[in-house]
C-alpha atoms as a PDB file:
ATOM      1  CA  MET A   1     -18.017   0.642 -10.662  1.00  0.00           C
ATOM      2  CA  GLU A   2     -19.052   0.436 -14.297  1.00  0.00           C
ATOM      3  CA  ASN A   3     -16.311  -0.706 -16.102  1.00  0.00           C
ATOM      4  CA  ARG A   4     -15.251   2.922 -15.789  1.00  0.00           C
ATOM      5  CA  ILE A   5     -11.665   4.227 -17.582  1.00  0.00           C
ATOM      6  CA  LEU A   6      -9.428   6.115 -15.444  1.00  0.00           C
ATOM      7  CA  PRO A   7     -10.434   4.381 -11.516  1.00  0.00           C
ATOM      8  CA  THR A   8      -9.269   6.032  -8.841  1.00  0.00           C
ATOM      9  CA  THR A   9      -8.154   4.175  -5.633  1.00  0.00           C
ATOM     10  CA  VAL A  10      -5.902   4.130  -2.705  1.00  0.00           C
ATOM     11  CA  VAL A  11      -2.341   2.913  -1.764  1.00  0.00           C
ATOM     12  CA  GLY A  12      -4.520   2.133   1.124  1.00  0.00           C
ATOM     13  CA  SER A  13      -4.197   3.525   4.501  1.00  0.00           C
ATOM     14  CA  TYR A  14      -6.485   6.864   5.659  1.00  0.00           C
ATOM     15  CA  PRO A  15      -5.575   8.866   8.824  1.00  0.00           C
ATOM     16  CA  LYS A  16      -7.066   7.669  11.953  1.00  0.00           C
ATOM     17  CA  PRO A  17      -9.855   9.286  14.300  1.00  0.00           C
ATOM     18  CA  LEU A  18      -7.726  11.160  17.226  1.00  0.00           C
ATOM     19  CA  TRP A  19     -10.467   9.224  19.389  1.00  0.00           C
ATOM     20  CA  LEU A  20      -8.890   5.903  17.782  1.00  0.00           C
ATOM     21  CA  SER A  21      -5.243   6.633  18.065  1.00  0.00           C
ATOM     22  CA  ASN A  22      -2.616   8.817  19.290  1.00  0.00           C
ATOM     23  CA  PRO A  23      -1.253  11.540  16.423  1.00  0.00           C
ATOM     24  CA  TYR A  24       1.355   9.988  14.283  1.00  0.00           C
ATOM     25  CA  GLY A  25       0.705   6.932  16.670  1.00  0.00           C
ATOM     26  CA  ILE A  26       0.019   4.956  13.551  1.00  0.00           C
ATOM     27  CA  LEU A  27       3.661   3.958  12.870  1.00  0.00           C
ATOM     28  CA  PHE A  28       4.098   2.206  15.958  1.00  0.00           C
ATOM     29  CA  GLY A  29       0.748   1.552  18.139  1.00  0.00           C
ATOM     30  CA  GLY A  30      -0.788   4.644  20.428  1.00  0.00           C
ATOM     31  CA  TRP A  31      -4.564   3.057  20.548  1.00  0.00           C
ATOM     32  CA  ARG A  32      -6.946   5.783  22.697  1.00  0.00           C
ATOM     33  CA  LEU A  33      -9.027   3.577  23.341  1.00  0.00           C
ATOM     34  CA  ARG A  34      -9.322   0.645  26.288  1.00  0.00           C
ATOM     35  CA  ALA A  35      -9.722  -3.201  24.826  1.00  0.00           C
ATOM     36  CA  GLU A  36     -12.975  -3.824  25.293  1.00  0.00           C
ATOM     37  CA  VAL A  37     -14.103  -1.023  22.719  1.00  0.00           C
ATOM     38  CA  LEU A  38     -11.420  -1.201  20.781  1.00  0.00           C
ATOM     39  CA  ARG A  39     -12.482  -3.381  18.288  1.00  0.00           C
ATOM     40  CA  GLU A  40     -15.808  -1.602  17.905  1.00  0.00           C
ATOM     41  CA  GLY A  41     -13.580   1.359  17.507  1.00  0.00           C
ATOM     42  CA  GLN A  42     -12.013   0.146  14.886  1.00  0.00           C
ATOM     43  CA  ASP A  43     -15.242  -0.658  13.408  1.00  0.00           C
ATOM     44  CA  ASP A  44     -16.645   2.612  13.495  1.00  0.00           C
ATOM     45  CA  ALA A  45     -13.287   4.590  12.606  1.00  0.00           C
ATOM     46  CA  VAL A  46     -13.518   1.380   9.136  1.00  0.00           C
ATOM     47  CA  ALA A  47     -17.045   2.976   8.325  1.00  0.00           C
ATOM     48  CA  LEU A  48     -15.892   6.244   8.372  1.00  0.00           C
ATOM     49  CA  ALA A  49     -12.716   5.623   5.970  1.00  0.00           C
ATOM     50  CA  ILE A  50     -15.260   4.187   3.224  1.00  0.00           C
ATOM     51  CA  ARG A  51     -17.457   6.809   3.218  1.00  0.00           C
ATOM     52  CA  ASP A  52     -15.079   9.183   3.259  1.00  0.00           C
ATOM     53  CA  GLN A  53     -13.469   7.656   0.143  1.00  0.00           C
ATOM     54  CA  GLU A  54     -16.918   7.069  -1.603  1.00  0.00           C
ATOM     55  CA  ARG A  55     -17.693  10.143  -1.049  1.00  0.00           C
ATOM     56  CA  ALA A  56     -14.780  11.661  -2.971  1.00  0.00           C
ATOM     57  CA  GLY A  57     -15.454   9.275  -5.556  1.00  0.00           C
ATOM     58  CA  ILE A  58     -12.972   6.744  -5.273  1.00  0.00           C
ATOM     59  CA  ASP A  59     -13.532   3.763  -7.229  1.00  0.00           C
ATOM     60  CA  ILE A  60     -12.002   0.843  -5.527  1.00  0.00           C
ATOM     61  CA  VAL A  61     -11.726   1.383  -1.766  1.00  0.00           C
ATOM     62  CA  SER A  62     -10.191   0.000   1.378  1.00  0.00           C
ATOM     63  CA  ASP A  63     -10.725   0.038   4.503  1.00  0.00           C
ATOM     64  CA  GLY A  64      -8.070   2.646   5.466  1.00  0.00           C
ATOM     65  CA  GLU A  65      -6.102  -0.047   7.567  1.00  0.00           C
ATOM     66  CA  GLN A  66      -7.792   1.611  10.719  1.00  0.00           C
ATOM     67  CA  ARG A  67      -7.219  -1.468  12.802  1.00  0.00           C
ATOM     68  CA  ARG A  68      -3.047  -1.576  12.512  1.00  0.00           C
ATOM     69  CA  ASP A  69      -1.210   0.213  15.136  1.00  0.00           C
ATOM     70  CA  ASN A  70       1.973  -0.555  12.455  1.00  0.00           C
ATOM     71  CA  PHE A  71       1.670  -1.762   8.266  1.00  0.00           C
ATOM     72  CA  VAL A  72       4.309  -4.598   9.232  1.00  0.00           C
ATOM     73  CA  PHE A  73       3.608  -5.603  12.721  1.00  0.00           C
ATOM     74  CA  TYR A  74       0.014  -5.874  12.321  1.00  0.00           C
ATOM     75  CA  PHE A  75       0.897  -9.035  10.604  1.00  0.00           C
ATOM     76  CA  THR A  76       4.048 -10.270  11.703  1.00  0.00           C
ATOM     77  CA  ARG A  77       3.179 -10.344  15.067  1.00  0.00           C
ATOM     78  CA  ASN A  78       0.324 -13.175  14.446  1.00  0.00           C
ATOM     79  CA  LEU A  79       2.881 -15.030  12.019  1.00  0.00           C
ATOM     80  CA  ASP A  80       4.996 -18.081  13.698  1.00  0.00           C
ATOM     81  CA  GLY A  81       8.405 -17.479  14.376  1.00  0.00           C
ATOM     82  CA  PHE A  82       8.168 -13.905  15.111  1.00  0.00           C
ATOM     83  CA  ASP A  83       9.233 -12.741  18.993  1.00  0.00           C
ATOM     84  CA  PHE A  84       8.072  -9.431  20.143  1.00  0.00           C
ATOM     85  CA  ALA A  85       9.076 -10.025  23.678  1.00  0.00           C
ATOM     86  CA  HIS A  86      12.735  -9.307  23.393  1.00  0.00           C
ATOM     87  CA  PRO A  87      13.226  -6.461  20.517  1.00  0.00           C
ATOM     88  CA  LEU A  88      16.151  -5.196  19.179  1.00  0.00           C
ATOM     89  CA  LYS A  89      16.744  -1.629  18.134  1.00  0.00           C
ATOM     90  CA  ARG A  90      17.011  -0.631  14.535  1.00  0.00           C
ATOM     91  CA  ARG A  91      16.959   2.369  12.036  1.00  0.00           C
ATOM     92  CA  LEU A  92      13.574   2.778  10.164  1.00  0.00           C
ATOM     93  CA  ARG A  93      14.401   2.909   6.775  1.00  0.00           C
ATOM     94  CA  GLY A  94      15.572   6.167   5.181  1.00  0.00           C
ATOM     95  CA  SER A  95      15.370   7.611   8.658  1.00  0.00           C
ATOM     96  CA  GLN A  96      17.596   8.334  11.504  1.00  0.00           C
ATOM     97  CA  ARG A  97      14.580   7.255  13.887  1.00  0.00           C
ATOM     98  CA  GLU A  98      14.977   3.505  15.830  1.00  0.00           C
ATOM     99  CA  PHE A  99      12.520   1.536  16.755  1.00  0.00           C
ATOM    100  CA  GLU A 100      12.246  -1.520  18.547  1.00  0.00           C
ATOM    101  CA  ALA A 101      12.093  -4.690  16.141  1.00  0.00           C
ATOM    102  CA  PRO A 102      10.884  -8.556  16.350  1.00  0.00           C
ATOM    103  CA  ARG A 103      13.316 -11.197  16.698  1.00  0.00           C
ATOM    104  CA  ILE A 104      12.548 -14.048  13.976  1.00  0.00           C
ATOM    105  CA  VAL A 105      13.748 -17.267  15.944  1.00  0.00           C
ATOM    106  CA  GLY A 106      12.293 -19.769  14.220  1.00  0.00           C
ATOM    107  CA  PRO A 107      10.505 -21.069  11.040  1.00  0.00           C
ATOM    108  CA  VAL A 108       8.280 -18.076   9.103  1.00  0.00           C
ATOM    109  CA  GLY A 109       4.811 -19.761   8.679  1.00  0.00           C
ATOM    110  CA  ARG A 110       0.758 -18.613   8.663  1.00  0.00           C
ATOM    111  CA  SER A 111      -1.325 -20.903  11.260  1.00  0.00           C
ATOM    112  CA  ARG A 112      -4.124 -18.861  11.530  1.00  0.00           C
ATOM    113  CA  PRO A 113      -5.718 -15.807   9.179  1.00  0.00           C
ATOM    114  CA  LEU A 114      -3.959 -12.648   9.349  1.00  0.00           C
ATOM    115  CA  ALA A 115      -6.353 -10.168   8.572  1.00  0.00           C
ATOM    116  CA  ALA A 116      -9.614 -12.036   7.043  1.00  0.00           C
ATOM    117  CA  ASP A 117     -12.110 -10.596   9.457  1.00  0.00           C
ATOM    118  CA  ASP A 118     -10.860  -7.079   8.145  1.00  0.00           C
ATOM    119  CA  VAL A 119     -11.848  -8.172   4.569  1.00  0.00           C
ATOM    120  CA  ARG A 120     -15.441  -9.787   5.765  1.00  0.00           C
ATOM    121  CA  PHE A 121     -15.890  -6.315   7.698  1.00  0.00           C
ATOM    122  CA  LEU A 122     -14.794  -4.150   4.522  1.00  0.00           C
ATOM    123  CA  ARG A 123     -16.740  -6.221   2.052  1.00  0.00           C
ATOM    124  CA  ALA A 124     -20.058  -5.958   4.130  1.00  0.00           C
ATOM    125  CA  ASN A 125     -19.784  -2.212   4.012  1.00  0.00           C
ATOM    126  CA  THR A 126     -19.717  -1.012   0.741  1.00  0.00           C
ATOM    127  CA  ASP A 127     -20.606  -2.116  -2.627  1.00  0.00           C
ATOM    128  CA  ARG A 128     -17.392  -0.954  -4.732  1.00  0.00           C
ATOM    129  CA  PRO A 129     -14.652  -3.090  -5.262  1.00  0.00           C
ATOM    130  CA  ILE A 130     -12.260  -3.035  -2.632  1.00  0.00           C
ATOM    131  CA  LYS A 131      -8.478  -3.144  -2.065  1.00  0.00           C
ATOM    132  CA  MET A 132      -6.828  -4.743   0.753  1.00  0.00           C
ATOM    133  CA  SER A 133      -2.552  -4.218   1.105  1.00  0.00           C
ATOM    134  CA  ILE A 134       0.310  -6.642   3.175  1.00  0.00           C
ATOM    135  CA  ALA A 135       3.678  -5.906   4.204  1.00  0.00           C
ATOM    136  CA  GLY A 136       5.826  -8.115   1.331  1.00  0.00           C
ATOM    137  CA  PRO A 137       9.043 -10.149   2.448  1.00  0.00           C
ATOM    138  CA  MET A 138      11.595  -7.780   1.570  1.00  0.00           C
ATOM    139  CA  THR A 139       9.751  -4.846   3.572  1.00  0.00           C
ATOM    140  CA  ILE A 140       9.226  -7.558   6.761  1.00  0.00           C
ATOM    141  CA  ILE A 141      12.558  -8.759   6.836  1.00  0.00           C
ATOM    142  CA  ASP A 142      14.172  -4.790   6.775  1.00  0.00           C
ATOM    143  CA  THR A 143      11.779  -4.437   9.653  1.00  0.00           C
ATOM    144  CA  SER A 144      12.950  -7.164  12.173  1.00  0.00           C
ATOM    145  CA  HIS A 145      16.022  -9.148  13.197  1.00  0.00           C
ATOM    146  CA  ASP A 146      16.616 -12.688  11.937  1.00  0.00           C
ATOM    147  CA  VAL A 147      18.871 -14.651  14.091  1.00  0.00           C
ATOM    148  CA  HIS A 148      17.270 -18.136  12.582  1.00  0.00           C
ATOM    149  CA  TYR A 149      17.543 -17.792   9.377  1.00  0.00           C
ATOM    150  CA  ARG A 150      20.540 -15.680   8.352  1.00  0.00           C
ATOM    151  CA  ASP A 151      19.719 -16.153   4.412  1.00  0.00           C
ATOM    152  CA  ASN A 152      17.929 -14.103   3.058  1.00  0.00           C
ATOM    153  CA  ARG A 153      16.077 -16.183  -0.006  1.00  0.00           C
ATOM    154  CA  ALA A 154      15.377 -19.008   2.617  1.00  0.00           C
ATOM    155  CA  LEU A 155      13.330 -16.486   4.744  1.00  0.00           C
ATOM    156  CA  ALA A 156      11.597 -14.505   1.734  1.00  0.00           C
ATOM    157  CA  MET A 157      10.573 -18.030   0.264  1.00  0.00           C
ATOM    158  CA  ASP A 158       9.042 -18.451   3.951  1.00  0.00           C
ATOM    159  CA  LEU A 159       7.484 -15.375   4.381  1.00  0.00           C
ATOM    160  CA  ALA A 160       5.715 -15.287   1.019  1.00  0.00           C
ATOM    161  CA  ALA A 161       4.376 -18.564   1.182  1.00  0.00           C
ATOM    162  CA  ALA A 162       2.481 -17.545   4.351  1.00  0.00           C
ATOM    163  CA  ILE A 163       1.544 -14.301   2.804  1.00  0.00           C
ATOM    164  CA  ASN A 164       0.071 -16.224  -0.333  1.00  0.00           C
ATOM    165  CA  ALA A 165      -1.882 -18.217   2.368  1.00  0.00           C
ATOM    166  CA  GLU A 166      -3.691 -14.976   3.590  1.00  0.00           C
ATOM    167  CA  LEU A 167      -3.773 -13.439  -0.060  1.00  0.00           C
ATOM    168  CA  GLN A 168      -5.650 -16.414  -1.336  1.00  0.00           C
ATOM    169  CA  GLU A 169      -8.060 -16.111   1.799  1.00  0.00           C
ATOM    170  CA  TRP A 170      -9.052 -12.718   1.090  1.00  0.00           C
ATOM    171  CA  ALA A 171      -9.853 -13.716  -2.240  1.00  0.00           C
ATOM    172  CA  SER A 172     -12.027 -16.041  -1.437  1.00  0.00           C
ATOM    173  CA  LEU A 173     -13.953 -13.441   0.575  1.00  0.00           C
ATOM    174  CA  GLY A 174     -14.155 -10.991  -2.511  1.00  0.00           C
ATOM    175  CA  CYS A 175     -11.695  -8.759  -2.580  1.00  0.00           C
ATOM    176  CA  ASP A 176     -11.031  -7.169  -5.637  1.00  0.00           C
ATOM    177  CA  VAL A 177      -7.378  -6.167  -5.548  1.00  0.00           C
ATOM    178  CA  VAL A 178      -4.628  -7.590  -3.325  1.00  0.00           C
ATOM    179  CA  GLN A 179      -1.608  -5.252  -2.711  1.00  0.00           C
ATOM    180  CA  ILE A 180       1.900  -6.337  -1.689  1.00  0.00           C
ATOM    181  CA  ASP A 181       3.633  -3.326   0.079  1.00  0.00           C
ATOM    182  CA  GLU A 182       7.410  -3.303  -0.451  1.00  0.00           C
ATOM    183  CA  PRO A 183       9.160   0.254   0.175  1.00  0.00           C
ATOM    184  CA  ALA A 184      11.942  -1.638   0.581  1.00  0.00           C
ATOM    185  CA  PHE A 185      12.575  -2.283  -3.221  1.00  0.00           C
ATOM    186  CA  THR A 186      13.471   1.192  -3.619  1.00  0.00           C
ATOM    187  CA  ARG A 187      16.372   0.556  -1.026  1.00  0.00           C
ATOM    188  CA  TYR A 188      17.753  -2.487  -2.466  1.00  0.00           C
ATOM    189  CA  PRO A 189      17.162  -2.823  -5.928  1.00  0.00           C
ATOM    190  CA  HIS A 190      20.284  -5.934  -5.540  1.00  0.00           C
ATOM    191  CA  PHE A 191      17.877  -7.673  -3.392  1.00  0.00           C
ATOM    192  CA  VAL A 192      14.971  -7.531  -5.580  1.00  0.00           C
ATOM    193  CA  ARG A 193      17.576  -8.648  -8.254  1.00  0.00           C
ATOM    194  CA  ASP A 194      18.506 -11.886  -6.265  1.00  0.00           C
ATOM    195  CA  TRP A 195      15.384 -12.773  -4.441  1.00  0.00           C
ATOM    196  CA  GLY A 196      12.705 -10.254  -4.073  1.00  0.00           C
ATOM    197  CA  ALA A 197      11.108 -10.842  -7.550  1.00  0.00           C
ATOM    198  CA  GLU A 198      11.354 -14.085  -7.133  1.00  0.00           C
ATOM    199  CA  ALA A 199       9.349 -13.695  -3.570  1.00  0.00           C
ATOM    200  CA  LEU A 200       6.660 -11.537  -4.605  1.00  0.00           C
ATOM    201  CA  ASN A 201       5.787 -14.388  -7.631  1.00  0.00           C
ATOM    202  CA  ARG A 202       5.062 -16.565  -5.014  1.00  0.00           C
ATOM    203  CA  CYS A 203       3.200 -13.828  -2.710  1.00  0.00           C
ATOM    204  CA  VAL A 204       0.430 -14.094  -5.679  1.00  0.00           C
ATOM    205  CA  GLU A 205       1.150 -17.271  -7.068  1.00  0.00           C
ATOM    206  CA  GLY A 206      -2.603 -19.147  -7.758  1.00  0.00           C
ATOM    207  CA  VAL A 207      -4.699 -15.776  -5.752  1.00  0.00           C
ATOM    208  CA  GLY A 208      -7.204 -15.995  -8.470  1.00  0.00           C
ATOM    209  CA  THR A 209      -8.165 -12.151  -7.928  1.00  0.00           C
ATOM    210  CA  LYS A 210      -6.458  -9.054  -9.110  1.00  0.00           C
ATOM    211  CA  THR A 211      -3.123  -8.392  -7.962  1.00  0.00           C
ATOM    212  CA  GLY A 212      -0.128  -6.058  -7.413  1.00  0.00           C
ATOM    213  CA  VAL A 213       2.533  -4.685  -5.685  1.00  0.00           C
ATOM    214  CA  HIS A 214       3.335  -0.600  -4.222  1.00  0.00           C
ATOM    215  CA  VAL A 215       6.818   0.625  -4.296  1.00  0.00           C
ATOM    216  CA  CYS A 216       7.494   3.872  -2.966  1.00  0.00           C
ATOM    217  CA  TYR A 217      10.225   5.690  -0.774  1.00  0.00           C
ATOM    218  CA  GLY A 218       8.387   5.814   2.109  1.00  0.00           C
ATOM    219  CA  TYR A 219       6.306   8.016   4.500  1.00  0.00           C
ATOM    220  CA  PRO A 220       7.985  11.196   4.905  1.00  0.00           C
ATOM    221  CA  VAL A 221       8.826  10.904   9.123  1.00  0.00           C
ATOM    222  CA  ASP A 222      11.479  13.092   8.851  1.00  0.00           C
ATOM    223  CA  GLY A 223      10.513  15.794   6.697  1.00  0.00           C
ATOM    224  CA  SER A 224      12.572  14.367   3.459  1.00  0.00           C
ATOM    225  CA  LYS A 225      12.684  10.867   1.554  1.00  0.00           C
ATOM    226  CA  MET A 226      15.657   8.919   0.560  1.00  0.00           C
ATOM    227  CA  ARG A 227      15.627   7.921  -3.171  1.00  0.00           C
ATOM    228  CA  GLU A 228      18.940   6.656  -3.403  1.00  0.00           C
ATOM    229  CA  HIS A 229      17.775   4.119  -6.532  1.00  0.00           C
ATOM    230  CA  GLY A 230      15.264   5.187  -9.141  1.00  0.00           C
ATOM    231  CA  TYR A 231      12.588   2.959 -10.288  1.00  0.00           C
ATOM    232  CA  GLU A 232      14.214   2.213 -13.755  1.00  0.00           C
ATOM    233  CA  GLU A 233      16.467  -0.057 -11.335  1.00  0.00           C
ATOM    234  CA  VAL A 234      13.673  -2.050 -10.109  1.00  0.00           C
ATOM    235  CA  LEU A 235      11.012  -1.833 -12.809  1.00  0.00           C
ATOM    236  CA  PRO A 236      12.560  -4.385 -14.982  1.00  0.00           C
ATOM    237  CA  TYR A 237      12.000  -6.984 -12.669  1.00  0.00           C
ATOM    238  CA  LEU A 238       7.865  -5.533 -11.815  1.00  0.00           C
ATOM    239  CA  THR A 239       7.220  -5.911 -15.333  1.00  0.00           C
ATOM    240  CA  GLY A 240       8.565  -9.430 -15.193  1.00  0.00           C
ATOM    241  CA  SER A 241       6.623 -10.456 -12.489  1.00  0.00           C
ATOM    242  CA  ALA A 242       3.386 -12.107 -12.037  1.00  0.00           C
ATOM    243  CA  VAL A 243       1.403  -8.844 -10.645  1.00  0.00           C
ATOM    244  CA  ASP A 244      -0.928  -7.902 -12.642  1.00  0.00           C
ATOM    245  CA  GLN A 245      -0.452  -3.853 -11.307  1.00  0.00           C
ATOM    246  CA  ILE A 246       2.234  -1.755  -9.968  1.00  0.00           C
ATOM    247  CA  SER A 247       1.492   1.182  -7.452  1.00  0.00           C
ATOM    248  CA  LEU A 248       3.866   4.257  -8.025  1.00  0.00           C
ATOM    249  CA  GLU A 249       5.170   7.407  -5.946  1.00  0.00           C
ATOM    250  CA  CYS A 250       4.803   9.958  -9.325  1.00  0.00           C
ATOM    251  CA  ALA A 251       3.694  13.141  -7.441  1.00  0.00           C
ATOM    252  CA  ALA A 252       5.852  13.978  -4.887  1.00  0.00           C
ATOM    253  CA  PRO A 253       9.501  13.307  -6.354  1.00  0.00           C
ATOM    254  CA  GLY A 254       8.129  14.805  -9.504  1.00  0.00           C
ATOM    255  CA  LEU A 255       8.426  11.814 -11.728  1.00  0.00           C
ATOM    256  CA  ASP A 256       8.292  12.620 -15.685  1.00  0.00           C
ATOM    257  CA  ALA A 257       5.537  10.916 -16.612  1.00  0.00           C
ATOM    258  CA  SER A 258       7.463   9.238 -19.601  1.00  0.00           C
ATOM    259  CA  LEU A 259       8.814   6.594 -16.885  1.00  0.00           C
ATOM    260  CA  LEU A 260       5.321   4.642 -17.946  1.00  0.00           C
ATOM    261  CA  ARG A 261       7.140   3.161 -20.867  1.00  0.00           C
ATOM    262  CA  LEU A 262       8.927   0.913 -18.550  1.00  0.00           C
ATOM    263  CA  CYS A 263       5.810   0.123 -16.958  1.00  0.00           C
ATOM    264  CA  GLN A 264       5.094  -2.359 -20.410  1.00  0.00           C
ATOM    265  CA  GLY A 265       2.074  -5.061 -20.218  1.00  0.00           C
ATOM    266  CA  LYS A 266       1.053  -4.229 -16.403  1.00  0.00           C
ATOM    267  CA  ASP A 267      -1.588  -1.639 -15.139  1.00  0.00           C
ATOM    268  CA  VAL A 268      -0.159   1.068 -13.210  1.00  0.00           C
ATOM    269  CA  VAL A 269      -1.262   2.823  -9.986  1.00  0.00           C
ATOM    270  CA  PHE A 270       0.056   6.739 -10.920  1.00  0.00           C
ATOM    271  CA  GLY A 271       0.549   8.809  -7.763  1.00  0.00           C
ATOM    272  CA  VAL A 272      -0.970  11.761  -8.459  1.00  0.00           C
ATOM    273  CA  ILE A 273      -1.741  13.075  -5.029  1.00  0.00           C
ATOM    274  CA  ASP A 274       1.594  14.199  -2.758  1.00  0.00           C
ATOM    275  CA  ILE A 275       0.826  12.503   0.416  1.00  0.00           C
ATOM    276  CA  GLY A 276       4.021  14.990   2.189  1.00  0.00           C
ATOM    277  CA  SER A 277       2.700  18.169   0.975  1.00  0.00           C
ATOM    278  CA  THR A 278      -0.009  20.223   2.954  1.00  0.00           C
ATOM    279  CA  GLU A 279      -1.113  21.922  -0.085  1.00  0.00           C
ATOM    280  CA  VAL A 280      -4.428  20.502  -1.721  1.00  0.00           C
ATOM    281  CA  GLU A 281      -3.891  19.787  -5.291  1.00  0.00           C
ATOM    282  CA  LYS A 282      -5.783  21.632  -7.990  1.00  0.00           C
ATOM    283  CA  PRO A 283      -8.192  18.612  -9.803  1.00  0.00           C
ATOM    284  CA  ASP A 284      -7.426  20.581 -13.252  1.00  0.00           C
ATOM    285  CA  ALA A 285      -3.480  19.786 -12.064  1.00  0.00           C
ATOM    286  CA  VAL A 286      -4.436  16.686 -11.175  1.00  0.00           C
ATOM    287  CA  ALA A 287      -6.414  16.057 -14.737  1.00  0.00           C
ATOM    288  CA  GLY A 288      -3.009  17.386 -16.324  1.00  0.00           C
ATOM    289  CA  ARG A 289      -0.898  14.877 -14.520  1.00  0.00           C
ATOM    290  CA  ILE A 290      -3.203  12.374 -15.792  1.00  0.00           C
ATOM    291  CA  SER A 291      -3.513  13.166 -19.218  1.00  0.00           C
ATOM    292  CA  GLU A 292       0.046  13.302 -19.750  1.00  0.00           C
ATOM    293  CA  ALA A 293       0.535   9.546 -18.386  1.00  0.00           C
ATOM    294  CA  LEU A 294      -1.226   8.763 -21.402  1.00  0.00           C
ATOM    295  CA  ASN A 295       0.893   9.604 -23.417  1.00  0.00           C
ATOM    296  CA  PHE A 296       2.559   6.511 -22.294  1.00  0.00           C
ATOM    297  CA  ILE A 297      -0.348   3.950 -21.744  1.00  0.00           C
ATOM    298  CA  PRO A 298      -3.654   3.335 -22.571  1.00  0.00           C
ATOM    299  CA  ALA A 299      -6.374   4.712 -20.259  1.00  0.00           C
ATOM    300  CA  GLU A 300      -7.488   1.267 -19.606  1.00  0.00           C
ATOM    301  CA  ARG A 301      -4.431   0.797 -17.388  1.00  0.00           C
ATOM    302  CA  LEU A 302      -4.024   3.841 -15.404  1.00  0.00           C
ATOM    303  CA  LEU A 303      -5.606   3.823 -12.147  1.00  0.00           C
ATOM    304  CA  PRO A 304      -5.039   7.405 -10.466  1.00  0.00           C
ATOM    305  CA  ALA A 305      -4.073   7.569  -6.873  1.00  0.00           C
ATOM    306  CA  PRO A 306      -2.571   9.291  -4.105  1.00  0.00           C
ATOM    307  CA  ASP A 307       1.389   8.361  -4.150  1.00  0.00           C
ATOM    308  CA  CYS A 308       1.466   6.485  -0.518  1.00  0.00           C
ATOM    309  CA  GLY A 309      -1.439   5.968   2.340  1.00  0.00           C
ATOM    310  CA  LEU A 310      -2.421   8.579   3.855  1.00  0.00           C
ATOM    311  CA  VAL A 311      -2.078   8.381   7.149  1.00  0.00           C
ATOM    312  CA  LEU A 312       0.062  10.906   8.021  1.00  0.00           C
ATOM    313  CA  LEU A 313      -2.228  13.873   7.124  1.00  0.00           C
ATOM    314  CA  ASP A 314      -4.867  15.110   8.956  1.00  0.00           C
ATOM    315  CA  ARG A 315      -8.223  13.823   8.130  1.00  0.00           C
ATOM    316  CA  THR A 316      -9.377  17.233   7.067  1.00  0.00           C
ATOM    317  CA  LEU A 317      -6.510  17.551   4.128  1.00  0.00           C
ATOM    318  CA  ALA A 318      -6.916  14.138   3.508  1.00  0.00           C
ATOM    319  CA  ARG A 319     -10.310  14.527   2.729  1.00  0.00           C
ATOM    320  CA  ALA A 320      -9.502  17.120   0.526  1.00  0.00           C
ATOM    321  CA  LYS A 321      -6.905  15.710  -1.158  1.00  0.00           C
ATOM    322  CA  LEU A 322      -9.210  12.574  -2.041  1.00  0.00           C
ATOM    323  CA  LYS A 323     -11.756  15.349  -3.832  1.00  0.00           C
ATOM    324  CA  ALA A 324      -8.945  16.155  -5.592  1.00  0.00           C
ATOM    325  CA  LEU A 325      -8.093  13.117  -6.855  1.00  0.00           C
ATOM    326  CA  GLY A 326     -11.789  12.580  -7.640  1.00  0.00           C
ATOM    327  CA  GLU A 327     -12.713  15.745  -9.125  1.00  0.00           C
ATOM    328  CA  GLY A 328      -9.285  15.498 -11.493  1.00  0.00           C
ATOM    329  CA  ALA A 329     -10.140  12.229 -12.466  1.00  0.00           C
ATOM    330  CA  ARG A 330     -13.410  12.977 -13.703  1.00  0.00           C
ATOM    331  CA  LEU A 331     -12.128  15.997 -15.429  1.00  0.00           C
ATOM    332  CA  ALA A 332      -9.744  13.888 -17.308  1.00  0.00           C
ATOM    333  CA  ARG A 333     -12.470  11.321 -18.368  1.00  0.00           C
ATOM    334  CA  PHE A 334     -14.065  13.951 -19.997  1.00  0.00           C
ATOM    335  CA  ARG A 335     -11.182  15.253 -21.457  1.00  0.00           C
ATOM    336  CA  LEU A 336     -10.401  11.967 -22.980  1.00  0.00           C
ATOM    337  CA  GLU A 337     -14.126  11.251 -24.334  1.00  0.00           C
ATOM    338  CA  ALA A 338     -14.535  14.796 -25.713  1.00  0.00           C
ATOM    339  CA  GLY A 339     -11.327  14.001 -27.482  1.00  0.00           C
ATOM    340  CA  SER A 340     -12.314  10.879 -29.312  1.00  0.00           C
END
């Protein structure tokens, strides 16, 4: 990618082939392949996800999170201090759905790499810039049962130190963008103020590559989303943070693009594709939405993207939506250059 304006990207996840995972198994497991062939199947699925992104014109690609049975547990299962053998039930964020959450029973730490091999495989299989994401401290806390720390700030800072060590390794392996996923930020803006932003800064301290945070309203697993708090409540803490990019869900909630005025000094990964809708966006509408955003943010700081990960979509629908994103961004670039 040669310094293209309005570079397109994804938030992270992509639908898994049905030969790899059960439908909706992406939330809490569900592999179809035997253990001895699972890694090869995941490699093949990553290669397919990369090709779909490249064909759609996505400039900064991910591995589609094809190896992750759950976007939080994939990491916490390999952190010190987590007990998955004796889980406790809790409710999924903004949902009536309950799940088995691991307990935190001792000091949290990273004694081994969590996803370094995933970065190596992604880097070796595309010439485009790459990004990888990891669940952030607040979201991990909200997806676990702490019976050891009983102090959210202390737990968050230990999680952030572990995440920081992982991100530094990703950067050393050639990862161009590292992203902290924090959907919990929109649930608990008071925690963002009290310790969430501090933990976020610790996550990216000295990482040495482009850093970002993704803040959304969660996956529409029950058909609707809860938006108890607006971005206006958390953006002051994010713009004051050390991350380079802020990734926002804007298409599904129909947020006014003037919100981007609150993102001063940061690049914005701007959601223009609704991942909760089965309707494929028209490229002209995507371009129009991008043009609206450019009234409030310079083109060199805007990255059009889906609202969130595409993992809940049918693969055919996901491909079509990515194609609409790529074509819409190309149209927006053309209009911008023609008007300059």
